[in-house]
N, C-alpha and C. Protein backbone atom coordinates (compact mmCIF):
# COMPACT_ATOMS: atom_id res chain seq x y z
N MET A 1 0.85 -1.17 0.00
CA MET A 1 0.00 0.00 0.00
C MET A 1 0.90 1.24 0.00
N ALA A 2 0.67 2.12 -0.96
CA ALA A 2 1.47 3.34 -1.08
C ALA A 2 0.88 4.44 -0.21
N ILE A 3 1.74 5.25 0.34
CA ILE A 3 1.32 6.34 1.21
C ILE A 3 1.73 7.67 0.58
N CYS A 4 0.83 8.62 0.61
CA CYS A 4 1.09 9.95 0.04
C CYS A 4 2.15 10.67 0.88
N PRO A 5 3.19 11.20 0.25
CA PRO A 5 4.24 11.87 1.02
C PRO A 5 3.79 13.23 1.58
N VAL A 6 2.73 13.82 1.05
CA VAL A 6 2.30 15.14 1.50
C VAL A 6 1.38 15.05 2.71
N CYS A 7 0.29 14.28 2.60
CA CYS A 7 -0.69 14.24 3.69
C CYS A 7 -0.51 13.04 4.61
N GLY A 8 0.24 12.02 4.18
CA GLY A 8 0.51 10.87 5.04
C GLY A 8 -0.59 9.83 5.03
N LEU A 9 -1.60 10.00 4.20
CA LEU A 9 -2.68 9.02 4.10
C LEU A 9 -2.40 8.05 2.97
N PRO A 10 -3.02 6.86 3.00
CA PRO A 10 -2.89 5.95 1.86
C PRO A 10 -3.40 6.62 0.59
N ASP A 11 -2.88 6.20 -0.56
CA ASP A 11 -3.24 6.83 -1.83
C ASP A 11 -4.75 6.79 -2.10
N GLU A 12 -5.44 5.76 -1.63
CA GLU A 12 -6.88 5.66 -1.85
C GLU A 12 -7.64 6.74 -1.08
N LEU A 13 -7.10 7.22 0.04
CA LEU A 13 -7.76 8.20 0.89
C LEU A 13 -7.13 9.59 0.81
N CYS A 14 -6.19 9.77 -0.10
CA CYS A 14 -5.43 11.02 -0.20
C CYS A 14 -6.36 12.21 -0.44
N MET A 15 -6.18 13.26 0.35
CA MET A 15 -7.01 14.46 0.27
C MET A 15 -6.26 15.65 -0.29
N CYS A 16 -5.08 15.45 -0.84
CA CYS A 16 -4.24 16.55 -1.32
C CYS A 16 -4.93 17.37 -2.42
N ALA A 17 -5.57 16.72 -3.37
CA ALA A 17 -6.24 17.43 -4.46
C ALA A 17 -7.39 18.27 -3.93
N GLN A 18 -8.16 17.72 -3.01
CA GLN A 18 -9.30 18.46 -2.43
C GLN A 18 -8.81 19.65 -1.62
N ILE A 19 -7.75 19.47 -0.84
CA ILE A 19 -7.20 20.56 -0.05
C ILE A 19 -6.64 21.65 -0.95
N ALA A 20 -5.97 21.26 -2.04
CA ALA A 20 -5.41 22.23 -2.97
C ALA A 20 -6.51 23.07 -3.61
N ARG A 21 -7.63 22.45 -3.92
CA ARG A 21 -8.75 23.18 -4.52
C ARG A 21 -9.35 24.17 -3.54
N GLU A 22 -9.50 23.76 -2.28
CA GLU A 22 -10.12 24.63 -1.29
C GLU A 22 -9.25 25.82 -0.94
N GLN A 23 -7.93 25.69 -1.02
CA GLN A 23 -7.03 26.76 -0.64
C GLN A 23 -6.86 27.81 -1.73
N GLN A 24 -7.24 27.52 -2.95
CA GLN A 24 -7.11 28.46 -4.05
C GLN A 24 -8.34 29.36 -4.14
N THR A 25 -8.13 30.60 -4.53
CA THR A 25 -9.23 31.51 -4.82
C THR A 25 -9.22 31.76 -6.31
N VAL A 26 -10.23 31.28 -6.98
CA VAL A 26 -10.32 31.40 -8.44
C VAL A 26 -11.15 32.64 -8.76
N ARG A 27 -10.62 33.49 -9.62
CA ARG A 27 -11.30 34.71 -10.03
C ARG A 27 -11.99 34.50 -11.37
N ILE A 28 -13.26 34.92 -11.44
CA ILE A 28 -14.05 34.80 -12.66
C ILE A 28 -14.43 36.22 -13.08
N SER A 29 -14.11 36.57 -14.32
CA SER A 29 -14.43 37.91 -14.81
C SER A 29 -14.85 37.84 -16.27
N ILE A 30 -15.42 38.94 -16.74
CA ILE A 30 -15.85 39.07 -18.13
C ILE A 30 -14.94 40.10 -18.79
N ASP A 31 -14.49 39.79 -20.00
CA ASP A 31 -13.62 40.67 -20.76
C ASP A 31 -14.26 40.91 -22.12
N SER A 32 -14.02 42.08 -22.67
CA SER A 32 -14.54 42.42 -24.00
C SER A 32 -13.41 42.33 -25.01
N ARG A 33 -13.70 41.73 -26.12
CA ARG A 33 -12.72 41.60 -27.20
C ARG A 33 -13.17 42.41 -28.39
N ARG A 34 -12.49 42.22 -29.50
CA ARG A 34 -12.83 42.95 -30.72
C ARG A 34 -14.27 42.67 -31.15
N TYR A 35 -14.85 43.67 -31.78
CA TYR A 35 -16.20 43.57 -32.33
C TYR A 35 -17.26 43.28 -31.27
N GLY A 36 -17.01 43.65 -30.01
CA GLY A 36 -18.00 43.50 -28.95
C GLY A 36 -18.19 42.09 -28.43
N LYS A 37 -17.29 41.18 -28.75
CA LYS A 37 -17.39 39.81 -28.27
C LYS A 37 -17.02 39.75 -26.79
N THR A 38 -17.76 38.98 -26.01
CA THR A 38 -17.45 38.82 -24.59
C THR A 38 -16.75 37.49 -24.36
N VAL A 39 -15.86 37.48 -23.37
CA VAL A 39 -15.10 36.29 -23.02
C VAL A 39 -15.13 36.15 -21.50
N THR A 40 -15.43 34.96 -21.00
CA THR A 40 -15.36 34.68 -19.58
C THR A 40 -13.95 34.21 -19.27
N VAL A 41 -13.29 34.89 -18.32
CA VAL A 41 -11.91 34.59 -17.97
C VAL A 41 -11.87 34.00 -16.56
N ILE A 42 -11.27 32.80 -16.43
CA ILE A 42 -11.09 32.14 -15.15
C ILE A 42 -9.60 32.17 -14.85
N ASP A 43 -9.23 32.84 -13.76
CA ASP A 43 -7.83 33.07 -13.43
C ASP A 43 -7.56 32.68 -11.98
N GLY A 44 -6.32 32.38 -11.66
CA GLY A 44 -5.93 32.07 -10.28
C GLY A 44 -5.84 30.59 -9.99
N ILE A 45 -5.81 29.75 -11.00
CA ILE A 45 -5.72 28.30 -10.81
C ILE A 45 -4.24 27.92 -10.79
N ASP A 46 -3.83 27.22 -9.76
CA ASP A 46 -2.45 26.79 -9.63
C ASP A 46 -2.21 25.59 -10.55
N GLU A 47 -1.35 25.76 -11.53
CA GLU A 47 -1.12 24.71 -12.53
C GLU A 47 -0.34 23.53 -11.98
N ASN A 48 0.31 23.68 -10.83
CA ASN A 48 1.09 22.58 -10.27
C ASN A 48 0.19 21.49 -9.69
N ASP A 49 -0.97 21.89 -9.13
CA ASP A 49 -1.85 20.94 -8.47
C ASP A 49 -2.95 20.40 -9.37
N ILE A 50 -3.38 21.20 -10.34
CA ILE A 50 -4.53 20.84 -11.18
C ILE A 50 -4.16 20.95 -12.65
N ASP A 51 -4.62 19.98 -13.43
CA ASP A 51 -4.38 20.02 -14.88
C ASP A 51 -5.34 21.03 -15.49
N ILE A 52 -4.80 22.17 -15.89
CA ILE A 52 -5.62 23.27 -16.39
C ILE A 52 -6.29 22.92 -17.72
N ASN A 53 -5.64 22.12 -18.55
CA ASN A 53 -6.23 21.73 -19.83
C ASN A 53 -7.45 20.84 -19.63
N ASP A 54 -7.38 19.92 -18.67
CA ASP A 54 -8.51 19.05 -18.37
C ASP A 54 -9.67 19.86 -17.78
N LEU A 55 -9.35 20.80 -16.90
CA LEU A 55 -10.38 21.65 -16.32
C LEU A 55 -11.05 22.51 -17.39
N ALA A 56 -10.27 23.03 -18.32
CA ALA A 56 -10.82 23.83 -19.43
C ALA A 56 -11.76 22.99 -20.28
N LYS A 57 -11.37 21.76 -20.53
CA LYS A 57 -12.21 20.86 -21.32
C LYS A 57 -13.55 20.60 -20.63
N GLN A 58 -13.50 20.38 -19.31
CA GLN A 58 -14.73 20.14 -18.56
C GLN A 58 -15.64 21.38 -18.58
N LEU A 59 -15.05 22.56 -18.40
CA LEU A 59 -15.85 23.79 -18.41
C LEU A 59 -16.44 24.06 -19.78
N LYS A 60 -15.68 23.80 -20.85
CA LYS A 60 -16.20 23.99 -22.19
C LYS A 60 -17.38 23.06 -22.46
N ASN A 61 -17.30 21.83 -21.97
CA ASN A 61 -18.41 20.88 -22.14
C ASN A 61 -19.64 21.32 -21.35
N LYS A 62 -19.45 21.78 -20.12
CA LYS A 62 -20.58 22.19 -19.28
C LYS A 62 -21.27 23.43 -19.82
N CYS A 63 -20.48 24.35 -20.39
CA CYS A 63 -21.04 25.62 -20.88
C CYS A 63 -21.43 25.56 -22.35
N ALA A 64 -21.09 24.49 -23.03
CA ALA A 64 -21.34 24.34 -24.46
C ALA A 64 -20.78 25.53 -25.23
N ALA A 65 -19.50 25.81 -24.96
CA ALA A 65 -18.85 26.96 -25.58
C ALA A 65 -17.42 26.59 -25.96
N GLY A 66 -16.86 27.35 -26.87
CA GLY A 66 -15.47 27.18 -27.22
C GLY A 66 -14.60 27.92 -26.22
N GLY A 67 -13.32 27.65 -26.27
CA GLY A 67 -12.42 28.34 -25.37
C GLY A 67 -11.03 27.76 -25.43
N THR A 68 -10.18 28.26 -24.54
CA THR A 68 -8.79 27.83 -24.51
C THR A 68 -8.22 27.97 -23.11
N ALA A 69 -7.11 27.30 -22.89
CA ALA A 69 -6.34 27.43 -21.65
C ALA A 69 -4.95 27.90 -22.04
N LYS A 70 -4.62 29.13 -21.65
CA LYS A 70 -3.30 29.65 -21.98
C LYS A 70 -2.84 30.62 -20.90
N ASP A 71 -1.55 30.71 -20.73
CA ASP A 71 -0.93 31.63 -19.77
C ASP A 71 -1.50 31.47 -18.36
N GLY A 72 -1.82 30.25 -17.96
CA GLY A 72 -2.31 29.99 -16.61
C GLY A 72 -3.73 30.42 -16.36
N ARG A 73 -4.50 30.66 -17.42
CA ARG A 73 -5.90 31.03 -17.26
C ARG A 73 -6.74 30.37 -18.33
N ILE A 74 -8.04 30.30 -18.08
CA ILE A 74 -8.98 29.68 -19.00
C ILE A 74 -9.87 30.78 -19.57
N GLU A 75 -10.07 30.77 -20.87
CA GLU A 75 -10.94 31.73 -21.54
C GLU A 75 -12.05 30.97 -22.26
N LEU A 76 -13.30 31.32 -21.96
CA LEU A 76 -14.46 30.71 -22.60
C LEU A 76 -15.17 31.77 -23.43
N GLN A 77 -15.61 31.40 -24.61
CA GLN A 77 -16.32 32.34 -25.47
C GLN A 77 -17.72 32.58 -24.93
N GLY A 78 -18.07 33.84 -24.72
CA GLY A 78 -19.40 34.19 -24.24
C GLY A 78 -19.41 34.52 -22.76
N ASP A 79 -20.58 34.93 -22.27
CA ASP A 79 -20.77 35.28 -20.87
C ASP A 79 -21.34 34.08 -20.12
N HIS A 80 -20.48 33.34 -19.43
CA HIS A 80 -20.87 32.13 -18.69
C HIS A 80 -20.50 32.24 -17.22
N LYS A 81 -20.54 33.45 -16.68
CA LYS A 81 -20.05 33.72 -15.33
C LYS A 81 -20.80 32.89 -14.27
N LYS A 82 -22.12 32.89 -14.32
CA LYS A 82 -22.92 32.18 -13.31
C LYS A 82 -22.73 30.67 -13.41
N LYS A 83 -22.74 30.15 -14.62
CA LYS A 83 -22.61 28.71 -14.81
C LYS A 83 -21.22 28.22 -14.39
N VAL A 84 -20.18 28.99 -14.75
CA VAL A 84 -18.80 28.61 -14.39
C VAL A 84 -18.64 28.64 -12.88
N LYS A 85 -19.21 29.65 -12.23
CA LYS A 85 -19.11 29.75 -10.77
C LYS A 85 -19.76 28.54 -10.10
N ALA A 86 -20.94 28.14 -10.57
CA ALA A 86 -21.63 26.98 -10.00
C ALA A 86 -20.84 25.70 -10.22
N VAL A 87 -20.28 25.52 -11.41
CA VAL A 87 -19.53 24.30 -11.72
C VAL A 87 -18.25 24.22 -10.87
N LEU A 88 -17.52 25.34 -10.77
CA LEU A 88 -16.28 25.34 -10.00
C LEU A 88 -16.54 25.13 -8.52
N GLU A 89 -17.62 25.70 -7.98
CA GLU A 89 -17.95 25.48 -6.57
C GLU A 89 -18.36 24.03 -6.31
N ASP A 90 -19.03 23.39 -7.27
CA ASP A 90 -19.35 21.98 -7.15
C ASP A 90 -18.10 21.11 -7.15
N MET A 91 -17.05 21.57 -7.86
CA MET A 91 -15.79 20.84 -7.89
C MET A 91 -14.94 21.08 -6.65
N GLY A 92 -15.33 22.03 -5.79
CA GLY A 92 -14.61 22.27 -4.56
C GLY A 92 -13.72 23.50 -4.55
N PHE A 93 -13.77 24.33 -5.59
CA PHE A 93 -12.98 25.54 -5.64
C PHE A 93 -13.68 26.66 -4.90
N THR A 94 -12.90 27.61 -4.38
CA THR A 94 -13.44 28.83 -3.80
C THR A 94 -13.38 29.89 -4.89
N THR A 95 -14.52 30.51 -5.20
CA THR A 95 -14.57 31.44 -6.33
C THR A 95 -14.79 32.87 -5.86
N GLU A 96 -14.35 33.79 -6.70
CA GLU A 96 -14.51 35.22 -6.47
C GLU A 96 -14.88 35.84 -7.82
N SER A 97 -16.00 36.56 -7.88
CA SER A 97 -16.45 37.16 -9.13
C SER A 97 -16.15 38.65 -9.13
N LYS A 98 -15.80 39.15 -10.32
CA LYS A 98 -15.58 40.59 -10.49
C LYS A 98 -16.70 41.18 -11.28
C-alpha cells in the first residue's frame, strides 16, 4: 500500500487534491474583445496541483462553448459567469467574481 508523502494518508484516501482546490481563490471575470465579443476569464488556478487543460475541457463541455487554456488562465467564449461559478464550486474551488 502506497502512502502519500504530502498528507501521510494511503493513496486511496489522499485528500491533497481536495485541499489544494479549497485553498485556491479562483477569479471569474468578463472581458470584451474585438467587435463587442465577450469572453469569460477564469484566473488564479495553480497549474502545479490541477491540470488546467482538463479543467478547461470540462468547463467547455458544461457551458457548451469554445475556449482555450493559456498563460495559466482559461478563456471561454461568451458570458458564462454564473454557470462557471456553480460548476467550480461543485468541484470544490473557492470562487470570487468581479
